[in-house]
Amino acid sequence: MNIVVDTSVIVAVLLNEPVKASLIEVTVNATLCAPTSLHWEIGNAFSAMFKQKRLSLDDAQKALRIYKQIPLNLVDVDLGKSVRISSDQGVYAYDAYFIACAHKLHAPILSLDKGLKLAATQAGIKLLEVT
């Protein structure tokens, strides 16, 4: 089964957030998918954490080594469709890419981002929840 995982999920796993075990449990035996923008979004999330003094460069580099080991199916999504989703749902393009990816794969989204979860639901995308 394909599952679209967003940046919040990957960052939570990489940084050993308390929800990590639940995220891994939900995704066991699934194919993890994300739009190709995921790489850049991980970098952006880390840069924001640098500014907030929540992450050191050494910790980010360790996390990136782990990230490279995660088996991810990166999917090209249609930019025009993503822009339409952004307009329709009132979300940033980055969130629209995940919704477009889920549409393309007919797959649910796993996210910790409330805004993305709301927009995905409104776009008719099934959500996976962690306990």
Protein backbone atom coordinates (compact mmCIF):
# COMPACT_ATOMS: atom_id res chain seq x y z
CA MET A 1 0.00 0.00 0.00
CA ASN A 2 1.25 3.50 -0.86
CA ILE A 3 1.20 6.15 1.87
CA VAL A 4 2.06 9.78 1.18
CA VAL A 5 4.16 11.06 4.07
CA ASP A 6 4.75 14.75 4.51
CA THR A 7 7.66 16.75 5.84
CA SER A 8 6.28 16.84 9.39
CA VAL A 9 6.29 13.04 9.53
CA ILE A 10 9.82 12.67 8.19
CA VAL A 11 11.20 15.38 10.49
CA ALA A 12 9.48 13.80 13.52
CA VAL A 13 11.11 10.47 12.72
CA LEU A 14 14.53 11.96 11.98
CA LEU A 15 14.58 13.98 15.20
CA ASN A 16 13.20 11.19 17.40
CA GLU A 17 10.05 13.06 18.37
CA PRO A 18 7.78 11.22 20.86
CA VAL A 19 5.37 10.27 18.05
CA LYS A 20 8.13 8.45 16.10
CA ALA A 21 7.17 4.91 17.18
CA SER A 22 3.52 5.47 16.25
CA LEU A 23 4.49 6.85 12.85
CA ILE A 24 6.69 3.86 12.13
CA GLU A 25 3.97 1.47 13.29
CA VAL A 26 1.40 3.00 10.91
CA THR A 27 3.78 2.74 7.95
CA VAL A 28 5.09 -0.82 8.43
CA ASN A 29 4.91 -2.76 5.14
CA ALA A 30 3.82 0.34 3.23
CA THR A 31 5.55 2.10 0.37
CA LEU A 32 6.37 5.60 1.57
CA CYS A 33 5.75 8.23 -1.10
CA ALA A 34 6.22 11.98 -1.31
CA PRO A 35 6.53 14.66 -3.97
CA THR A 36 10.05 15.42 -5.16
CA SER A 37 9.88 18.70 -3.24
CA LEU A 38 10.37 16.75 0.00
CA HIS A 39 14.18 17.12 -0.09
CA TRP A 40 13.94 20.89 -0.20
CA GLU A 41 11.24 20.99 2.45
CA ILE A 42 13.43 18.99 4.84
CA GLY A 43 16.19 21.55 4.27
CA ASN A 44 13.77 24.40 4.86
CA ALA A 45 12.49 22.83 8.09
CA PHE A 46 16.04 22.41 9.35
CA SER A 47 16.95 26.00 8.44
CA ALA A 48 13.96 27.24 10.44
CA MET A 49 15.11 25.13 13.39
CA PHE A 50 18.60 26.63 13.11
CA LYS A 51 17.14 30.12 13.40
CA GLN A 52 15.09 29.05 16.43
CA LYS A 53 18.18 27.42 18.01
CA ARG A 54 16.27 24.10 18.11
CA LEU A 55 18.76 22.17 15.97
CA SER A 56 22.53 22.15 15.57
CA LEU A 57 24.33 21.62 12.31
CA ASP A 58 25.81 18.35 13.64
CA ASP A 59 22.35 17.03 14.54
CA ALA A 60 21.00 18.07 11.14
CA GLN A 61 23.83 16.26 9.37
CA LYS A 62 23.18 13.11 11.43
CA ALA A 63 19.48 13.36 10.57
CA LEU A 64 20.28 13.71 6.86
CA ARG A 65 22.38 10.53 6.96
CA ILE A 66 19.35 8.73 8.39
CA TYR A 67 17.07 10.42 5.85
CA LYS A 68 19.12 8.98 2.99
CA GLN A 69 18.39 5.48 4.33
CA ILE A 70 14.60 5.86 4.36
CA PRO A 71 13.11 4.07 1.37
CA LEU A 72 11.02 6.79 -0.27
CA ASN A 73 9.28 6.77 -3.62
CA LEU A 74 9.65 10.38 -4.78
CA VAL A 75 6.91 11.35 -7.21
CA ASP A 76 6.81 14.14 -9.78
CA VAL A 77 3.54 16.02 -9.49
CA ASP A 78 1.89 18.29 -12.01
CA LEU A 79 2.67 21.92 -11.21
CA GLY A 80 -0.53 23.20 -12.83
CA LYS A 81 -2.67 20.82 -10.79
CA SER A 82 -0.75 21.76 -7.65
CA VAL A 83 -1.33 25.48 -8.26
CA ARG A 84 -5.04 24.78 -8.77
CA ILE A 85 -5.16 22.83 -5.49
CA SER A 86 -3.33 25.70 -3.76
CA SER A 87 -5.92 28.16 -5.03
CA ASP A 88 -8.92 25.91 -4.32
CA GLN A 89 -7.81 24.89 -0.83
CA GLY A 90 -6.13 28.14 0.21
CA VAL A 91 -2.86 26.41 1.04
CA TYR A 92 0.76 26.99 0.17
CA ALA A 93 2.08 25.17 -2.88
CA TYR A 94 4.20 22.95 -0.63
CA ASP A 95 1.04 21.48 0.93
CA ALA A 96 -0.62 21.27 -2.48
CA TYR A 97 2.24 19.09 -3.76
CA PHE A 98 1.43 16.46 -1.12
CA ILE A 99 -2.28 16.58 -1.98
CA ALA A 100 -1.47 16.28 -5.70
CA CYS A 101 0.81 13.34 -4.92
CA ALA A 102 -1.95 11.59 -2.97
CA HIS A 103 -4.41 12.22 -5.82
CA LYS A 104 -1.96 10.86 -8.38
CA LEU A 105 -1.29 7.68 -6.38
CA HIS A 106 -4.83 7.28 -5.00
CA ALA A 107 -3.13 7.06 -1.61
CA PRO A 108 -3.82 8.34 1.89
CA ILE A 109 -1.73 11.05 3.54
CA LEU A 110 0.03 10.71 6.86
CA SER A 111 0.76 14.14 8.35
CA LEU A 112 1.15 15.89 11.67
CA ASP A 113 0.27 19.25 10.06
CA LYS A 114 -3.29 20.31 10.95
CA GLY A 115 -3.58 22.67 7.99
CA LEU A 116 -2.50 20.05 5.48
CA LYS A 117 -4.81 17.47 7.05
CA LEU A 118 -7.79 19.83 6.77
CA ALA A 119 -6.99 20.74 3.16
CA ALA A 120 -6.44 17.09 2.22
CA THR A 121 -9.78 16.10 3.75
CA GLN A 122 -11.51 18.91 1.86
CA ALA A 123 -9.84 17.65 -1.33
CA GLY A 124 -11.26 14.17 -0.73
CA ILE A 125 -8.00 12.56 0.39
CA LYS A 126 -8.10 9.88 3.06
CA LEU A 127 -5.96 10.54 6.14
CA LEU A 128 -4.05 8.07 8.24
CA GLU A 129 -3.93 8.94 11.92
CA VAL A 130 -1.42 7.98 14.58
CA THR A 131 -2.42 6.98 18.08
